[in-house]
């Protein structure tokens, strides 16, 4: 923080150091699990028996240790932190970092080139980019869509891709030095996010209903 490195950049660098590979091989993991499960199945096991039976406690501990070594730290952290980041950290970040002032002149500011450019970029640009890239990947590069997924559904999801809030605000703060331009950018981001969310919901609802 004191070196001047932005917290977002530091977070990305830190994430690159988190292991996403198991610390033990699958054969060793499966062998340990089979052996310890066989030990536990051969004795009378209950919800409290391991309290007085040290052998049971050791087998359960070995199973826990093997599972911990086989589960990559990156995946474990992702699942552990997801509820906090999705429902606490990101909403608080958006609340404190947005700073969008909705005043009587907001409509005029929304018509500025910066706001309109961001609205078009997020709402239309995301649809064009995501849908076109997916179409090219499938038709020209031999990629396959997941089972049951169509390009129409990809387009519907691409509309939701226009909901760019936290990262868009971060980039706007880096791109513009003038506070007036930053305010226009934030207003455009807010408008594009609302538009993309409403239209994306309607599009996917229609596509999934009609098949």
C-alpha atoms as a PDB file:
ATOM      1  CA  UNK A   1       0.000   0.000   0.000  1.00  0.00           C
ATOM      2  CA  UNK A   2       2.745   2.468   0.957  1.00  0.00           C
ATOM      3  CA  UNK A   3       4.734   1.596  -2.185  1.00  0.00           C
ATOM      4  CA  UNK A   4       1.942   3.023  -4.320  1.00  0.00           C
ATOM      5  CA  UNK A   5       0.841  -0.283  -5.847  1.00  0.00           C
ATOM      6  CA  UNK A   6      -2.944  -0.261  -6.213  1.00  0.00           C
ATOM      7  CA  UNK A   7      -4.747  -2.807  -4.049  1.00  0.00           C
ATOM      8  CA  UNK A   8      -6.368  -4.382  -7.123  1.00  0.00           C
ATOM      9  CA  UNK A   9      -2.990  -4.961  -8.772  1.00  0.00           C
ATOM     10  CA  UNK A  10      -1.574  -6.343  -5.541  1.00  0.00           C
ATOM     11  CA  UNK A  11      -4.546  -8.697  -5.287  1.00  0.00           C
ATOM     12  CA  UNK A  12      -3.960 -10.005  -8.810  1.00  0.00           C
ATOM     13  CA  UNK A  13      -0.270 -10.588  -8.072  1.00  0.00           C
ATOM     14  CA  UNK A  14      -1.123 -12.350  -4.820  1.00  0.00           C
ATOM     15  CA  UNK A  15      -3.691 -14.558  -6.570  1.00  0.00           C
ATOM     16  CA  UNK A  16      -1.017 -15.703  -9.036  1.00  0.00           C
ATOM     17  CA  UNK A  17       0.921 -17.192  -6.116  1.00  0.00           C
ATOM     18  CA  UNK A  18      -1.958 -19.279  -4.734  1.00  0.00           C
ATOM     19  CA  UNK A  19      -1.566 -22.970  -5.705  1.00  0.00           C
ATOM     20  CA  UNK A  20      -4.255 -24.436  -7.964  1.00  0.00           C
ATOM     21  CA  UNK A  21      -2.751 -27.934  -8.092  1.00  0.00           C
ATOM     22  CA  UNK A  22      -3.145 -30.781  -5.596  1.00  0.00           C
ATOM     23  CA  UNK A  23      -0.155 -31.423  -3.324  1.00  0.00           C
ATOM     24  CA  UNK A  24      -0.465 -35.215  -3.641  1.00  0.00           C
ATOM     25  CA  UNK A  25      -1.095 -37.484  -6.611  1.00  0.00           C
ATOM     26  CA  UNK A  26      -4.569 -38.979  -7.199  1.00  0.00           C
ATOM     27  CA  UNK A  27      -3.283 -42.542  -6.678  1.00  0.00           C
ATOM     28  CA  UNK A  28      -1.936 -41.684  -3.227  1.00  0.00           C
ATOM     29  CA  UNK A  29      -5.132 -39.849  -2.295  1.00  0.00           C
ATOM     30  CA  UNK A  30      -7.392 -42.697  -3.410  1.00  0.00           C
ATOM     31  CA  UNK A  31      -5.166 -45.279  -1.734  1.00  0.00           C
ATOM     32  CA  UNK A  32      -5.283 -43.416   1.583  1.00  0.00           C
ATOM     33  CA  UNK A  33      -9.049 -42.966   1.374  1.00  0.00           C
ATOM     34  CA  UNK A  34      -9.697 -46.652   0.601  1.00  0.00           C
ATOM     35  CA  UNK A  35      -7.369 -47.834   3.368  1.00  0.00           C
ATOM     36  CA  UNK A  36      -8.764 -45.523   6.046  1.00  0.00           C
ATOM     37  CA  UNK A  37     -12.377 -46.160   5.051  1.00  0.00           C
ATOM     38  CA  UNK A  38     -11.743 -49.899   5.286  1.00  0.00           C
ATOM     39  CA  UNK A  39     -10.327 -49.407   8.796  1.00  0.00           C
ATOM     40  CA  UNK A  40     -13.347 -47.391   9.888  1.00  0.00           C
ATOM     41  CA  UNK A  41     -15.831 -49.858   8.350  1.00  0.00           C
ATOM     42  CA  UNK A  42     -14.231 -52.734  10.251  1.00  0.00           C
ATOM     43  CA  UNK A  43     -14.976 -51.236  13.675  1.00  0.00           C
ATOM     44  CA  UNK A  44     -18.172 -50.038  15.374  1.00  0.00           C
ATOM     45  CA  UNK A  45     -18.313 -46.398  14.352  1.00  0.00           C
ATOM     46  CA  UNK A  46     -20.720 -43.831  15.783  1.00  0.00           C
ATOM     47  CA  UNK A  47     -20.932 -40.071  16.016  1.00  0.00           C
ATOM     48  CA  UNK A  48     -19.078 -40.163  19.365  1.00  0.00           C
ATOM     49  CA  UNK A  49     -16.990 -43.352  19.239  1.00  0.00           C
ATOM     50  CA  UNK A  50     -13.854 -41.538  18.013  1.00  0.00           C
ATOM     51  CA  UNK A  51     -13.752 -39.610  21.299  1.00  0.00           C
ATOM     52  CA  UNK A  52     -12.584 -42.692  23.197  1.00  0.00           C
ATOM     53  CA  UNK A  53     -11.063 -44.647  20.292  1.00  0.00           C
ATOM     54  CA  UNK A  54      -7.729 -43.133  19.274  1.00  0.00           C
ATOM     55  CA  UNK A  55      -7.422 -45.420  16.241  1.00  0.00           C
ATOM     56  CA  UNK A  56     -10.713 -44.139  14.823  1.00  0.00           C
ATOM     57  CA  UNK A  57      -9.659 -40.558  15.512  1.00  0.00           C
ATOM     58  CA  UNK A  58      -6.346 -41.141  13.735  1.00  0.00           C
ATOM     59  CA  UNK A  59      -8.083 -42.635  10.673  1.00  0.00           C
ATOM     60  CA  UNK A  60     -10.507 -39.728  10.468  1.00  0.00           C
ATOM     61  CA  UNK A  61      -7.609 -37.301  10.837  1.00  0.00           C
ATOM     62  CA  UNK A  62      -5.720 -39.045   8.027  1.00  0.00           C
ATOM     63  CA  UNK A  63      -8.792 -38.768   5.779  1.00  0.00           C
ATOM     64  CA  UNK A  64      -9.095 -35.073   6.582  1.00  0.00           C
ATOM     65  CA  UNK A  65      -5.397 -34.528   5.942  1.00  0.00           C
ATOM     66  CA  UNK A  66      -5.511 -36.384   2.598  1.00  0.00           C
ATOM     67  CA  UNK A  67      -8.555 -34.417   1.448  1.00  0.00           C
ATOM     68  CA  UNK A  68      -6.869 -31.150   2.441  1.00  0.00           C
ATOM     69  CA  UNK A  69      -3.743 -32.024   0.463  1.00  0.00           C
ATOM     70  CA  UNK A  70      -5.700 -33.124  -2.600  1.00  0.00           C
ATOM     71  CA  UNK A  71      -7.957 -30.051  -2.648  1.00  0.00           C
ATOM     72  CA  UNK A  72      -5.992 -27.157  -4.241  1.00  0.00           C
ATOM     73  CA  UNK A  73      -5.644 -24.125  -2.003  1.00  0.00           C
ATOM     74  CA  UNK A  74      -6.907 -21.806  -4.750  1.00  0.00           C
ATOM     75  CA  UNK A  75     -10.149 -23.759  -5.171  1.00  0.00           C
ATOM     76  CA  UNK A  76     -10.665 -24.022  -1.415  1.00  0.00           C
ATOM     77  CA  UNK A  77     -10.140 -20.277  -0.955  1.00  0.00           C
ATOM     78  CA  UNK A  78     -12.484 -19.496  -3.832  1.00  0.00           C
ATOM     79  CA  UNK A  79     -15.331 -21.465  -2.267  1.00  0.00           C
ATOM     80  CA  UNK A  80     -14.554 -20.144   1.217  1.00  0.00           C
ATOM     81  CA  UNK A  81     -14.399 -16.486   0.208  1.00  0.00           C
ATOM     82  CA  UNK A  82     -17.132 -16.435  -2.456  1.00  0.00           C
ATOM     83  CA  UNK A  83     -20.074 -15.682  -0.114  1.00  0.00           C
ATOM     84  CA  UNK A  84     -18.087 -12.883   1.560  1.00  0.00           C
ATOM     85  CA  UNK A  85     -16.916 -11.324  -1.700  1.00  0.00           C
ATOM     86  CA  UNK A  86     -20.250 -11.674  -3.514  1.00  0.00           C
ATOM     87  CA  UNK A  87     -22.578 -10.529  -0.743  1.00  0.00           C
ATOM     88  CA  UNK A  88     -20.420  -8.307   1.497  1.00  0.00           C
ATOM     89  CA  UNK A  89     -17.181  -7.026  -0.034  1.00  0.00           C
ATOM     90  CA  UNK A  90     -18.380  -6.221  -3.569  1.00  0.00           C
ATOM     91  CA  UNK A  91     -21.589  -4.451  -2.479  1.00  0.00           C
ATOM     92  CA  UNK A  92     -19.620  -2.392   0.049  1.00  0.00           C
ATOM     93  CA  UNK A  93     -16.969  -1.618  -2.569  1.00  0.00           C
ATOM     94  CA  UNK A  94     -19.639  -0.525  -5.028  1.00  0.00           C
ATOM     95  CA  UNK A  95     -21.381   1.581  -2.387  1.00  0.00           C
ATOM     96  CA  UNK A  96     -18.284   3.441  -1.227  1.00  0.00           C
ATOM     97  CA  UNK A  97     -16.422   3.621  -4.528  1.00  0.00           C
ATOM     98  CA  UNK A  98     -19.243   4.606  -6.883  1.00  0.00           C
ATOM     99  CA  UNK A  99     -19.934   8.105  -5.596  1.00  0.00           C
ATOM    100  CA  UNK A 100     -22.553   8.760  -8.307  1.00  0.00           C
ATOM    101  CA  UNK A 101     -24.336  12.051  -7.669  1.00  0.00           C
ATOM    102  CA  UNK A 102     -27.890  11.990  -9.030  1.00  0.00           C
ATOM    103  CA  UNK A 103     -28.795  15.668  -9.201  1.00  0.00           C
ATOM    104  CA  UNK A 104     -30.990  17.802 -11.455  1.00  0.00           C
ATOM    105  CA  UNK A 105     -28.159  17.990 -13.999  1.00  0.00           C
ATOM    106  CA  UNK A 106     -27.640  14.223 -14.147  1.00  0.00           C
ATOM    107  CA  UNK A 107     -29.694  13.885 -17.337  1.00  0.00           C
ATOM    108  CA  UNK A 108     -27.587  16.501 -19.104  1.00  0.00           C
ATOM    109  CA  UNK A 109     -24.395  14.831 -17.897  1.00  0.00           C
ATOM    110  CA  UNK A 110     -25.701  11.486 -19.161  1.00  0.00           C
ATOM    111  CA  UNK A 111     -25.874  12.973 -22.666  1.00  0.00           C
ATOM    112  CA  UNK A 112     -22.186  13.827 -22.668  1.00  0.00           C
ATOM    113  CA  UNK A 113     -19.875  11.952 -25.100  1.00  0.00           C
ATOM    114  CA  UNK A 114     -18.147  10.153 -22.218  1.00  0.00           C
ATOM    115  CA  UNK A 115     -21.385   8.824 -20.723  1.00  0.00           C
ATOM    116  CA  UNK A 116     -22.883   7.868 -24.076  1.00  0.00           C
ATOM    117  CA  UNK A 117     -19.654   6.179 -25.162  1.00  0.00           C
ATOM    118  CA  UNK A 118     -19.569   4.076 -22.001  1.00  0.00           C
ATOM    119  CA  UNK A 119     -23.236   3.119 -22.346  1.00  0.00           C
ATOM    120  CA  UNK A 120     -22.723   2.018 -25.953  1.00  0.00           C
ATOM    121  CA  UNK A 121     -19.441   0.289 -25.117  1.00  0.00           C
ATOM    122  CA  UNK A 122     -20.848  -1.708 -22.218  1.00  0.00           C
ATOM    123  CA  UNK A 123     -24.304  -2.462 -23.592  1.00  0.00           C
ATOM    124  CA  UNK A 124     -23.606  -2.980 -27.299  1.00  0.00           C
ATOM    125  CA  UNK A 125     -19.882  -3.702 -27.212  1.00  0.00           C
ATOM    126  CA  UNK A 126     -20.198  -6.595 -24.781  1.00  0.00           C
ATOM    127  CA  UNK A 127     -22.915  -8.220 -26.885  1.00  0.00           C
ATOM    128  CA  UNK A 128     -20.917  -7.885 -30.090  1.00  0.00           C
ATOM    129  CA  UNK A 129     -17.633  -8.993 -28.545  1.00  0.00           C
ATOM    130  CA  UNK A 130     -18.860 -11.999 -26.556  1.00  0.00           C
ATOM    131  CA  UNK A 131     -21.333 -13.280 -29.148  1.00  0.00           C
ATOM    132  CA  UNK A 132     -19.033 -12.754 -32.121  1.00  0.00           C
ATOM    133  CA  UNK A 133     -16.046 -14.339 -30.377  1.00  0.00           C
ATOM    134  CA  UNK A 134     -18.164 -17.352 -29.390  1.00  0.00           C
ATOM    135  CA  UNK A 135     -19.553 -17.691 -32.926  1.00  0.00           C
ATOM    136  CA  UNK A 136     -16.060 -17.567 -34.448  1.00  0.00           C
ATOM    137  CA  UNK A 137     -14.756 -20.087 -31.908  1.00  0.00           C
ATOM    138  CA  UNK A 138     -17.567 -22.530 -32.710  1.00  0.00           C
ATOM    139  CA  UNK A 139     -17.826 -22.071 -36.477  1.00  0.00           C
ATOM    140  CA  UNK A 140     -14.200 -21.467 -37.421  1.00  0.00           C
ATOM    141  CA  UNK A 141     -12.004 -22.859 -34.649  1.00  0.00           C
ATOM    142  CA  UNK A 142     -13.826 -26.091 -33.867  1.00  0.00           C
ATOM    143  CA  UNK A 143     -14.869 -25.224 -30.326  1.00  0.00           C
ATOM    144  CA  UNK A 144     -17.997 -26.801 -28.847  1.00  0.00           C
ATOM    145  CA  UNK A 145     -20.653 -25.177 -26.715  1.00  0.00           C
ATOM    146  CA  UNK A 146     -21.605 -26.946 -23.471  1.00  0.00           C
ATOM    147  CA  UNK A 147     -24.387 -29.513 -23.776  1.00  0.00           C
ATOM    148  CA  UNK A 148     -27.768 -27.831 -24.040  1.00  0.00           C
ATOM    149  CA  UNK A 149     -26.327 -24.359 -24.640  1.00  0.00           C
ATOM    150  CA  UNK A 150     -27.082 -22.476 -27.857  1.00  0.00           C
ATOM    151  CA  UNK A 151     -25.624 -19.335 -29.387  1.00  0.00           C
ATOM    152  CA  UNK A 152     -28.914 -17.591 -28.648  1.00  0.00           C
ATOM    153  CA  UNK A 153     -28.323 -18.282 -24.961  1.00  0.00           C
ATOM    154  CA  UNK A 154     -24.748 -17.048 -25.279  1.00  0.00           C
ATOM    155  CA  UNK A 155     -26.117 -13.821 -26.734  1.00  0.00           C
ATOM    156  CA  UNK A 156     -28.555 -13.506 -23.829  1.00  0.00           C
ATOM    157  CA  UNK A 157     -25.712 -13.953 -21.359  1.00  0.00           C
ATOM    158  CA  UNK A 158     -23.617 -11.424 -23.296  1.00  0.00           C
ATOM    159  CA  UNK A 159     -26.270  -8.799 -22.624  1.00  0.00           C
ATOM    160  CA  UNK A 160     -25.699  -9.347 -18.907  1.00  0.00           C
ATOM    161  CA  UNK A 161     -21.986  -8.892 -19.613  1.00  0.00           C
ATOM    162  CA  UNK A 162     -22.745  -5.199 -19.984  1.00  0.00           C
ATOM    163  CA  UNK A 163     -23.169  -4.972 -16.206  1.00  0.00           C
ATOM    164  CA  UNK A 164     -19.781  -3.432 -15.628  1.00  0.00           C
ATOM    165  CA  UNK A 165     -19.633  -1.708 -12.284  1.00  0.00           C
ATOM    166  CA  UNK A 166     -16.641  -2.185 -10.021  1.00  0.00           C
ATOM    167  CA  UNK A 167     -13.943  -2.745 -12.639  1.00  0.00           C
ATOM    168  CA  UNK A 168     -15.432  -0.122 -14.965  1.00  0.00           C
ATOM    169  CA  UNK A 169     -15.312   2.461 -12.203  1.00  0.00           C
ATOM    170  CA  UNK A 170     -11.740   1.447 -11.393  1.00  0.00           C
ATOM    171  CA  UNK A 171     -10.666   1.872 -15.028  1.00  0.00           C
ATOM    172  CA  UNK A 172     -12.502   5.195 -15.301  1.00  0.00           C
ATOM    173  CA  UNK A 173     -10.602   6.491 -12.303  1.00  0.00           C
ATOM    174  CA  UNK A 174      -7.341   5.562 -14.006  1.00  0.00           C
ATOM    175  CA  UNK A 175      -8.365   6.904 -17.419  1.00  0.00           C
ATOM    176  CA  UNK A 176      -9.718  10.322 -16.450  1.00  0.00           C
ATOM    177  CA  UNK A 177      -7.980  12.901 -14.332  1.00  0.00           C
ATOM    178  CA  UNK A 178     -10.805  15.434 -14.416  1.00  0.00           C
ATOM    179  CA  UNK A 179     -13.452  14.950 -11.743  1.00  0.00           C
ATOM    180  CA  UNK A 180     -16.205  16.042 -14.133  1.00  0.00           C
ATOM    181  CA  UNK A 181     -15.266  13.335 -16.621  1.00  0.00           C
ATOM    182  CA  UNK A 182     -15.067  10.754 -13.854  1.00  0.00           C
ATOM    183  CA  UNK A 183     -18.567  11.736 -12.700  1.00  0.00           C
ATOM    184  CA  UNK A 184     -19.881  11.403 -16.273  1.00  0.00           C
ATOM    185  CA  UNK A 185     -18.197   8.031 -16.600  1.00  0.00           C
ATOM    186  CA  UNK A 186     -19.735   6.758 -13.362  1.00  0.00           C
ATOM    187  CA  UNK A 187     -23.170   7.916 -14.466  1.00  0.00           C
ATOM    188  CA  UNK A 188     -22.739   6.155 -17.810  1.00  0.00           C
ATOM    189  CA  UNK A 189     -21.606   2.967 -16.054  1.00  0.00           C
ATOM    190  CA  UNK A 190     -24.624   3.055 -13.763  1.00  0.00           C
ATOM    191  CA  UNK A 191     -27.012   3.626 -16.674  1.00  0.00           C
ATOM    192  CA  UNK A 192     -25.428   0.877 -18.783  1.00  0.00           C
ATOM    193  CA  UNK A 193     -25.514  -1.585 -15.876  1.00  0.00           C
ATOM    194  CA  UNK A 194     -29.207  -0.977 -15.231  1.00  0.00           C
ATOM    195  CA  UNK A 195     -29.999  -1.231 -18.950  1.00  0.00           C
ATOM    196  CA  UNK A 196     -27.928  -4.405 -19.414  1.00  0.00           C
ATOM    197  CA  UNK A 197     -29.399  -6.039 -16.316  1.00  0.00           C
ATOM    198  CA  UNK A 198     -33.006  -5.366 -17.334  1.00  0.00           C
ATOM    199  CA  UNK A 199     -32.537  -6.294 -21.001  1.00  0.00           C
ATOM    200  CA  UNK A 200     -30.408  -9.344 -20.168  1.00  0.00           C
ATOM    201  CA  UNK A 201     -33.038 -10.656 -17.783  1.00  0.00           C
ATOM    202  CA  UNK A 202     -35.782 -10.132 -20.373  1.00  0.00           C
ATOM    203  CA  UNK A 203     -33.709 -11.675 -23.181  1.00  0.00           C
ATOM    204  CA  UNK A 204     -32.753 -14.811 -21.246  1.00  0.00           C
ATOM    205  CA  UNK A 205     -36.266 -15.224 -19.913  1.00  0.00           C
ATOM    206  CA  UNK A 206     -37.631 -15.107 -23.480  1.00  0.00           C
ATOM    207  CA  UNK A 207     -34.915 -17.375 -24.924  1.00  0.00           C
ATOM    208  CA  UNK A 208     -35.214 -20.028 -22.205  1.00  0.00           C
ATOM    209  CA  UNK A 209     -39.002 -19.988 -22.415  1.00  0.00           C
ATOM    210  CA  UNK A 210     -39.102 -20.389 -26.195  1.00  0.00           C
ATOM    211  CA  UNK A 211     -36.251 -22.904 -26.281  1.00  0.00           C
END
